[in-house]
Amino acid sequence: MLYDRAQELAAAPWHHEIQLIREKRYCENKVFYYLKLLKVYDAAGIEPEPLENHKYSSADRRQAIKDFEAYQKSHPGIISVKDIEKSKWER
């Protein structure tokens, strides 16, 4: 079964995805930004595989956005997700 699953993962179609996500931590009263590069499999039931992960503090927000946009520009056609808006309960 393990061999079959490994073969399924090796043959499954995939694509890269870049994500910039904002996270508000209420216990610390801080905001963090996460820049993630993922290998996303198109087959159902396979979790995305993280390739790179960068953490930015709220003071480095501009740098996080700059790095996100630079990666988008250097990799045309990559799927990108930018979720940095405040949640409706934070307003």
C-alpha atoms as a PDB file:
ATOM      1  CA  MET A   1       0.000   0.000   0.000  1.00  0.00           C
ATOM      2  CA  LEU A   2       2.852   2.357   0.817  1.00  0.00           C
ATOM      3  CA  TYR A   3       4.480   1.714  -2.560  1.00  0.00           C
ATOM      4  CA  ASP A   4       1.201   2.371  -4.363  1.00  0.00           C
ATOM      5  CA  ARG A   5       0.743   5.662  -2.501  1.00  0.00           C
ATOM      6  CA  ALA A   6       4.300   6.731  -3.358  1.00  0.00           C
ATOM      7  CA  GLN A   7       3.658   5.948  -7.022  1.00  0.00           C
ATOM      8  CA  GLU A   8       0.427   7.943  -6.898  1.00  0.00           C
ATOM      9  CA  LEU A   9       2.264  10.971  -5.492  1.00  0.00           C
ATOM     10  CA  ALA A  10       5.064  10.677  -8.036  1.00  0.00           C
ATOM     11  CA  ALA A  11       2.657  10.546 -10.968  1.00  0.00           C
ATOM     12  CA  ALA A  12       0.093  13.097  -9.745  1.00  0.00           C
ATOM     13  CA  PRO A  13      -0.079  16.391 -11.666  1.00  0.00           C
ATOM     14  CA  TRP A  14       0.886  19.455  -9.595  1.00  0.00           C
ATOM     15  CA  HIS A  15       1.552  23.192  -9.795  1.00  0.00           C
ATOM     16  CA  HIS A  16       3.308  25.812  -7.680  1.00  0.00           C
ATOM     17  CA  GLU A  17       1.372  28.350  -5.651  1.00  0.00           C
ATOM     18  CA  ILE A  18       2.639  31.388  -3.733  1.00  0.00           C
ATOM     19  CA  GLN A  19       0.649  32.681  -0.754  1.00  0.00           C
ATOM     20  CA  LEU A  20       0.930  35.810   1.369  1.00  0.00           C
ATOM     21  CA  ILE A  21      -1.223  35.431   4.465  1.00  0.00           C
ATOM     22  CA  ARG A  22      -1.833  37.794   7.383  1.00  0.00           C
ATOM     23  CA  GLU A  23      -2.268  36.329  10.855  1.00  0.00           C
ATOM     24  CA  LYS A  24      -3.397  38.286  13.919  1.00  0.00           C
ATOM     25  CA  ARG A  25      -2.380  36.737  17.241  1.00  0.00           C
ATOM     26  CA  TYR A  26      -4.627  38.086  19.947  1.00  0.00           C
ATOM     27  CA  CYS A  27      -2.792  36.540  22.889  1.00  0.00           C
ATOM     28  CA  GLU A  28       0.401  38.402  21.885  1.00  0.00           C
ATOM     29  CA  ASN A  29      -1.433  41.341  20.248  1.00  0.00           C
ATOM     30  CA  LYS A  30       0.831  41.046  17.195  1.00  0.00           C
ATOM     31  CA  VAL A  31       0.395  40.636  13.451  1.00  0.00           C
ATOM     32  CA  PHE A  32       2.544  38.332  11.335  1.00  0.00           C
ATOM     33  CA  TYR A  33       2.764  37.841   7.576  1.00  0.00           C
ATOM     34  CA  TYR A  34       3.626  34.466   6.078  1.00  0.00           C
ATOM     35  CA  LEU A  35       5.022  34.059   2.575  1.00  0.00           C
ATOM     36  CA  LYS A  36       4.624  30.438   1.521  1.00  0.00           C
ATOM     37  CA  LEU A  37       5.634  28.584  -1.615  1.00  0.00           C
ATOM     38  CA  LEU A  38       3.599  25.402  -2.005  1.00  0.00           C
ATOM     39  CA  LYS A  39       3.588  22.441  -4.344  1.00  0.00           C
ATOM     40  CA  VAL A  40      -0.142  21.819  -4.813  1.00  0.00           C
ATOM     41  CA  TYR A  41      -1.285  18.492  -6.209  1.00  0.00           C
ATOM     42  CA  ASP A  42      -4.282  18.507  -8.538  1.00  0.00           C
ATOM     43  CA  ALA A  43      -5.460  15.091  -7.323  1.00  0.00           C
ATOM     44  CA  ALA A  44      -8.022  15.041  -4.531  1.00  0.00           C
ATOM     45  CA  GLY A  45      -6.917  13.924  -1.091  1.00  0.00           C
ATOM     46  CA  ILE A  46      -3.277  15.003  -1.355  1.00  0.00           C
ATOM     47  CA  GLU A  47      -2.180  17.807   0.961  1.00  0.00           C
ATOM     48  CA  PRO A  48      -0.082  20.675  -0.468  1.00  0.00           C
ATOM     49  CA  GLU A  49       3.630  20.267   0.162  1.00  0.00           C
ATOM     50  CA  PRO A  50       5.389  23.352   1.608  1.00  0.00           C
ATOM     51  CA  LEU A  51       8.608  24.193  -0.208  1.00  0.00           C
ATOM     52  CA  GLU A  52       9.493  27.556   1.380  1.00  0.00           C
ATOM     53  CA  ASN A  53       8.084  29.485   4.322  1.00  0.00           C
ATOM     54  CA  HIS A  54       9.078  33.000   5.423  1.00  0.00           C
ATOM     55  CA  LYS A  55       7.690  34.817   8.468  1.00  0.00           C
ATOM     56  CA  TYR A  56       7.540  38.622   8.674  1.00  0.00           C
ATOM     57  CA  SER A  57       6.548  40.776  11.622  1.00  0.00           C
ATOM     58  CA  SER A  58       4.085  43.641  11.254  1.00  0.00           C
ATOM     59  CA  ALA A  59       7.017  46.069  10.959  1.00  0.00           C
ATOM     60  CA  ASP A  60       8.230  44.147   7.880  1.00  0.00           C
ATOM     61  CA  ARG A  61       4.866  44.280   6.070  1.00  0.00           C
ATOM     62  CA  ARG A  62       6.252  46.264   3.140  1.00  0.00           C
ATOM     63  CA  GLN A  63       9.114  43.812   2.701  1.00  0.00           C
ATOM     64  CA  ALA A  64       6.688  40.864   2.696  1.00  0.00           C
ATOM     65  CA  ILE A  65       4.566  42.475  -0.026  1.00  0.00           C
ATOM     66  CA  LYS A  66       7.676  43.425  -1.986  1.00  0.00           C
ATOM     67  CA  ASP A  67       9.015  39.846  -1.837  1.00  0.00           C
ATOM     68  CA  PHE A  68       5.604  38.457  -2.848  1.00  0.00           C
ATOM     69  CA  GLU A  69       5.387  40.748  -5.881  1.00  0.00           C
ATOM     70  CA  ALA A  70       9.005  40.044  -6.868  1.00  0.00           C
ATOM     71  CA  TYR A  71       8.350  36.302  -6.805  1.00  0.00           C
ATOM     72  CA  GLN A  72       5.217  36.780  -8.904  1.00  0.00           C
ATOM     73  CA  LYS A  73       7.177  38.812 -11.428  1.00  0.00           C
ATOM     74  CA  SER A  74      10.044  36.325 -11.645  1.00  0.00           C
ATOM     75  CA  HIS A  75       7.635  33.379 -12.107  1.00  0.00           C
ATOM     76  CA  PRO A  76       4.946  34.456 -14.590  1.00  0.00           C
ATOM     77  CA  GLY A  77       1.844  32.284 -14.593  1.00  0.00           C
ATOM     78  CA  ILE A  78       2.234  31.097 -11.008  1.00  0.00           C
ATOM     79  CA  ILE A  79      -0.969  30.899  -8.997  1.00  0.00           C
ATOM     80  CA  SER A  80      -0.850  33.515  -6.253  1.00  0.00           C
ATOM     81  CA  VAL A  81      -3.023  34.123  -3.209  1.00  0.00           C
ATOM     82  CA  LYS A  82      -2.773  37.411  -1.320  1.00  0.00           C
ATOM     83  CA  ASP A  83      -4.875  37.418   1.849  1.00  0.00           C
ATOM     84  CA  ILE A  84      -3.673  40.352   3.950  1.00  0.00           C
ATOM     85  CA  GLU A  85      -6.903  42.236   4.588  1.00  0.00           C
ATOM     86  CA  LYS A  86      -8.119  42.719   8.127  1.00  0.00           C
ATOM     87  CA  SER A  87     -10.852  40.323   9.166  1.00  0.00           C
ATOM     88  CA  LYS A  88     -14.316  41.791   9.605  1.00  0.00           C
ATOM     89  CA  TRP A  89     -14.118  41.404  13.408  1.00  0.00           C
ATOM     90  CA  GLU A  90     -10.859  43.434  13.558  1.00  0.00           C
ATOM     91  CA  ARG A  91     -12.374  46.627  12.165  1.00  0.00           C
END
